[in-house]
Amino acid sequence: MNARRLAAASAVTAMLVTLLADPVAAQSTSAELINGLNQELLIIGVPITLLVEGILLYAVIKFKGNDDPKPTKENRRLEITWTIATAVILLFVGVASYGVMADENVEFTGGEEEVAPEENDVLIQAQAYQWGWDMSYPGENVTVSGAGQGPTVVVPANQDIYVNVSSRDVIHGFHVPELGMKSDAIPDQTNYIKTNASETGTYQGYCSEYCGVAHSQMYFTVEVVDQAEYNEWLDEQRGS
């Protein structure tokens, strides 16, 4: 099999593997959107990478013994073709990325007056500090806080969750990778993020911006439970 056929076979194989791969189930609407975008970009990126590497490999093998190289001739048709192809690919990437990044479950930019959770939805104020977190539930009279392993935030599954992220000293970052949640915590500024957790379980969160000597200790935990267990947890927190 020559280099050209090898490159074509590799590209087709990679495309089939990418399409048939069974992605890890998303734990939230945010994670589902982000994982879907990554899958689409992978389907575009892998064949292009293999094509370029295949052409490079073909050129190295074919011309490695050429002691009398000739200059490349101008080919306007080829130049127009790859320019149009590049434009189409970039347009697809831009449209796909904008559709995800502009979704309120990935980038929720509403001000405080626009955040109006419906019944059973949750609003959490996450305030970072060196080096821990204060997590409060406005209207519920519940606050959990701590440094080191940090507080445990309990939220109900299949309900919209709004997180008000801020800082009282330096720049921090609120990040829960498995739930697709990430936002900077900036002094004198409020950032809102939103998601809807579809899978019950325990998810690790941490500070994603270097903020000083104990940055690595700024952990917290998000525990997703059913609605009844969440209500019971709220009652326990109020009682304590």
Protein backbone atom coordinates (compact mmCIF):
# COMPACT_ATOMS: atom_id res chain seq x y z
CA MET A 1 0.00 0.00 0.00
CA ASN A 2 1.49 3.34 -1.04
CA ALA A 3 1.62 6.41 1.18
CA ARG A 4 -1.41 8.05 -0.42
CA ARG A 5 -3.64 5.01 0.15
CA LEU A 6 -2.28 4.63 3.68
CA ALA A 7 -3.16 8.25 4.49
CA ALA A 8 -6.66 7.86 3.05
CA ALA A 9 -7.27 4.61 4.95
CA SER A 10 -6.03 6.20 8.20
CA ALA A 11 -8.35 9.18 7.76
CA VAL A 12 -11.38 6.98 7.10
CA THR A 13 -10.55 4.72 10.07
CA ALA A 14 -10.14 7.69 12.41
CA MET A 15 -13.44 9.17 11.22
CA LEU A 16 -15.28 5.89 11.84
CA VAL A 17 -13.72 5.46 15.29
CA THR A 18 -14.66 9.02 16.22
CA LEU A 19 -18.24 8.61 15.00
CA LEU A 20 -18.76 5.22 16.64
CA ALA A 21 -17.06 6.06 19.94
CA ASP A 22 -19.42 5.91 22.89
CA PRO A 23 -18.86 9.16 24.81
CA VAL A 24 -19.09 9.30 28.59
CA ALA A 25 -22.61 10.22 29.65
CA ALA A 26 -22.91 13.90 30.54
CA GLN A 27 -23.83 14.70 34.14
CA SER A 28 -25.47 18.06 33.38
CA THR A 29 -26.87 20.19 30.58
CA SER A 30 -23.64 22.24 30.58
CA ALA A 31 -21.42 19.17 30.30
CA GLU A 32 -23.63 17.73 27.55
CA LEU A 33 -23.30 20.90 25.46
CA ILE A 34 -19.54 21.12 25.95
CA ASN A 35 -18.95 17.42 25.25
CA GLY A 36 -21.10 17.64 22.13
CA LEU A 37 -19.05 20.56 20.83
CA ASN A 38 -15.81 18.72 21.56
CA GLN A 39 -17.13 15.71 19.62
CA GLU A 40 -18.01 17.85 16.60
CA LEU A 41 -14.61 19.58 16.60
CA LEU A 42 -12.88 16.21 16.95
CA ILE A 43 -14.74 14.86 13.92
CA ILE A 44 -13.43 17.83 11.92
CA GLY A 45 -9.94 17.99 13.43
CA VAL A 46 -8.83 14.35 13.28
CA PRO A 47 -9.24 13.82 9.50
CA ILE A 48 -7.57 17.17 8.76
CA THR A 49 -4.62 16.27 10.99
CA LEU A 50 -4.27 12.84 9.40
CA LEU A 51 -4.54 14.32 5.91
CA VAL A 52 -1.79 16.86 6.55
CA GLU A 53 0.46 14.30 8.23
CA GLY A 54 -0.24 11.84 5.41
CA ILE A 55 0.78 14.39 2.76
CA LEU A 56 3.90 15.23 4.76
CA LEU A 57 4.79 11.54 5.10
CA TYR A 58 4.18 10.97 1.40
CA ALA A 59 6.43 13.89 0.45
CA VAL A 60 9.22 12.74 2.77
CA ILE A 61 9.16 9.18 1.42
CA LYS A 62 8.75 10.09 -2.25
CA PHE A 63 11.35 12.84 -2.42
CA LYS A 64 13.87 11.76 0.22
CA GLY A 65 16.38 10.73 -2.46
CA ASN A 66 15.79 13.67 -4.81
CA ASP A 67 19.14 15.36 -5.36
CA ASP A 68 17.76 17.79 -7.95
CA PRO A 69 14.62 19.43 -6.46
CA LYS A 70 12.52 21.63 -8.71
CA PRO A 71 10.51 24.69 -7.57
CA THR A 72 6.79 24.15 -7.04
CA LYS A 73 4.64 25.40 -9.90
CA GLU A 74 1.78 27.78 -9.23
CA ASN A 75 -1.62 26.08 -9.13
CA ARG A 76 -4.42 28.63 -8.76
CA ARG A 77 -7.15 26.00 -8.74
CA LEU A 78 -5.49 24.26 -5.78
CA GLU A 79 -4.99 27.53 -3.91
CA ILE A 80 -8.63 28.56 -4.43
CA THR A 81 -9.80 25.10 -3.35
CA TRP A 82 -7.89 25.04 -0.06
CA THR A 83 -8.83 28.66 0.67
CA ILE A 84 -12.55 27.89 0.25
CA ALA A 85 -12.22 24.64 2.22
CA THR A 86 -10.49 26.46 5.07
CA ALA A 87 -13.18 29.16 5.10
CA VAL A 88 -15.95 26.54 5.24
CA ILE A 89 -14.24 24.69 8.09
CA LEU A 90 -13.69 27.89 10.09
CA LEU A 91 -17.31 28.94 9.49
CA PHE A 92 -18.54 25.59 10.79
CA VAL A 93 -16.28 25.81 13.87
CA GLY A 94 -17.40 29.38 14.55
CA VAL A 95 -21.11 28.66 14.25
CA ALA A 96 -20.90 25.45 16.30
CA SER A 97 -18.83 27.12 19.02
CA TYR A 98 -21.05 30.19 19.22
CA GLY A 99 -24.15 28.03 19.51
CA VAL A 100 -22.67 26.37 22.61
CA MET A 101 -20.78 29.24 24.22
CA ALA A 102 -23.77 31.58 23.93
CA ASP A 103 -26.10 29.07 25.59
CA GLU A 104 -27.15 30.20 29.07
CA ASN A 105 -26.23 26.78 30.48
CA VAL A 106 -22.61 27.43 29.53
CA GLU A 107 -22.25 31.21 29.78
CA PHE A 108 -25.00 32.81 31.85
CA THR A 109 -24.39 36.56 31.95
CA GLY A 110 -27.66 37.75 33.43
CA GLY A 111 -27.50 40.36 36.16
CA GLU A 112 -28.90 39.74 39.63
CA GLU A 113 -32.25 41.24 38.69
CA GLU A 114 -32.55 38.71 35.83
CA VAL A 115 -31.97 35.66 38.04
CA ALA A 116 -35.40 34.45 39.13
CA PRO A 117 -35.34 30.73 39.94
CA GLU A 118 -38.68 28.99 39.69
CA GLU A 119 -40.07 26.76 42.41
CA ASN A 120 -37.59 24.02 43.39
CA ASP A 121 -34.77 25.70 41.45
CA VAL A 122 -31.70 26.69 43.43
CA LEU A 123 -29.73 29.92 43.79
CA ILE A 124 -26.34 29.64 45.50
CA GLN A 125 -23.95 32.44 46.38
CA ALA A 126 -20.39 31.13 46.08
CA GLN A 127 -17.91 33.58 47.59
CA ALA A 128 -14.23 32.72 47.38
CA TYR A 129 -11.50 33.91 49.72
CA GLN A 130 -7.91 32.99 50.52
CA TRP A 131 -8.20 30.04 50.84
CA GLY A 132 -11.70 28.66 51.04
CA TRP A 133 -15.34 29.08 50.08
CA ASP A 134 -18.52 30.40 51.62
CA MET A 135 -21.59 28.86 49.98
CA SER A 136 -24.96 30.32 50.96
CA TYR A 137 -28.53 29.74 49.87
CA PRO A 138 -30.39 33.10 49.85
CA GLY A 139 -33.87 32.79 51.26
CA GLU A 140 -33.13 29.43 52.86
CA ASN A 141 -31.03 30.78 55.75
CA VAL A 142 -28.37 28.15 55.04
CA THR A 143 -24.61 28.65 54.72
CA VAL A 144 -21.83 26.11 54.39
CA SER A 145 -18.18 27.14 54.38
CA GLY A 146 -14.65 25.96 54.95
CA ALA A 147 -11.08 25.72 53.74
CA GLY A 148 -8.98 22.62 53.05
CA GLN A 149 -11.34 19.99 51.64
CA GLY A 150 -13.98 22.71 51.69
CA PRO A 151 -17.75 22.77 52.02
CA THR A 152 -20.23 20.36 50.51
CA VAL A 153 -22.86 22.00 48.31
CA VAL A 154 -26.04 19.96 47.98
CA VAL A 155 -28.33 20.53 44.98
CA PRO A 156 -31.36 18.71 43.55
CA ALA A 157 -31.18 16.75 40.31
CA ASN A 158 -33.16 17.86 37.25
CA GLN A 159 -33.62 21.41 38.52
CA ASP A 160 -32.04 24.62 37.28
CA ILE A 161 -29.11 25.66 39.45
CA TYR A 162 -27.86 29.26 39.47
CA VAL A 163 -24.52 30.05 41.10
CA ASN A 164 -23.57 33.61 42.00
CA VAL A 165 -19.75 33.63 41.92
CA SER A 166 -17.72 36.39 43.59
CA SER A 167 -14.55 36.98 45.60
CA ARG A 168 -13.73 39.05 48.65
CA ASP A 169 -9.98 39.39 48.09
CA VAL A 170 -8.17 38.27 44.90
CA ILE A 171 -9.18 36.53 41.67
CA HIS A 172 -10.27 32.92 42.14
CA GLY A 173 -12.11 30.46 39.90
CA PHE A 174 -15.21 28.30 40.48
CA HIS A 175 -14.79 25.06 38.56
CA VAL A 176 -16.67 21.73 38.61
CA PRO A 177 -15.36 19.88 35.52
CA GLU A 178 -17.80 16.95 35.51
CA LEU A 179 -20.78 19.32 35.61
CA GLY A 180 -19.32 21.65 32.97
CA MET A 181 -19.35 24.63 35.36
CA LYS A 182 -16.59 27.24 35.36
CA SER A 183 -16.49 30.94 36.17
CA ASP A 184 -13.95 33.47 37.44
CA ALA A 185 -14.52 34.84 40.94
CA ILE A 186 -13.54 38.50 40.75
CA PRO A 187 -13.57 41.07 43.58
CA ASP A 188 -16.37 43.66 43.32
CA GLN A 189 -17.97 41.72 40.46
CA THR A 190 -20.68 39.08 40.27
CA ASN A 191 -20.68 36.33 37.65
CA TYR A 192 -23.60 33.94 37.28
CA ILE A 193 -23.41 30.41 35.91
CA LYS A 194 -26.30 28.03 35.38
CA THR A 195 -26.70 24.31 34.89
CA ASN A 196 -29.11 21.45 35.40
CA ALA A 197 -27.58 18.30 36.89
CA SER A 198 -29.08 15.14 35.41
CA GLU A 199 -27.13 12.50 37.35
CA THR A 200 -27.11 12.12 41.12
CA GLY A 201 -23.66 11.72 42.63
CA THR A 202 -20.74 13.56 44.16
CA TYR A 203 -18.61 15.90 42.05
CA GLN A 204 -15.32 17.59 42.91
CA GLY A 205 -14.96 21.36 42.59
CA TYR A 206 -11.92 23.53 43.07
CA CYS A 207 -10.39 26.96 42.48
CA SER A 208 -9.13 27.21 38.89
CA GLU A 209 -7.11 30.45 39.23
CA TYR A 210 -3.81 30.55 41.08
CA CYS A 211 -4.48 32.71 44.12
CA GLY A 212 -1.59 32.24 46.53
CA VAL A 213 0.31 29.75 48.61
CA ALA A 214 -2.71 27.60 49.63
CA HIS A 215 -4.43 27.68 46.22
CA SER A 216 -4.20 23.89 45.93
CA GLN A 217 -6.32 23.50 49.08
CA MET A 218 -9.36 25.37 47.73
CA TYR A 219 -11.60 22.38 47.16
CA PHE A 220 -15.34 22.00 47.54
CA THR A 221 -17.82 19.24 46.77
CA VAL A 222 -21.10 19.34 44.87
CA GLU A 223 -23.51 16.58 45.85
CA VAL A 224 -26.45 16.03 43.52
CA VAL A 225 -29.42 14.31 45.20
CA ASP A 226 -33.12 13.85 44.52
CA GLN A 227 -35.57 16.58 45.51
CA ALA A 228 -36.78 14.86 48.68
CA GLU A 229 -33.25 14.34 49.98
CA TYR A 230 -32.39 17.94 49.15
CA ASN A 231 -35.38 19.23 51.12
CA GLU A 232 -34.39 17.03 54.04
CA TRP A 233 -30.82 18.36 53.92
CA LEU A 234 -32.08 21.95 53.98
CA ASP A 235 -34.18 21.19 57.07
CA GLU A 236 -31.15 19.65 58.78
CA GLN A 237 -28.99 22.68 57.99
CA ARG A 238 -31.61 25.08 59.31
CA GLY A 239 -31.91 23.04 62.50
CA SER A 240 -28.16 23.10 63.09
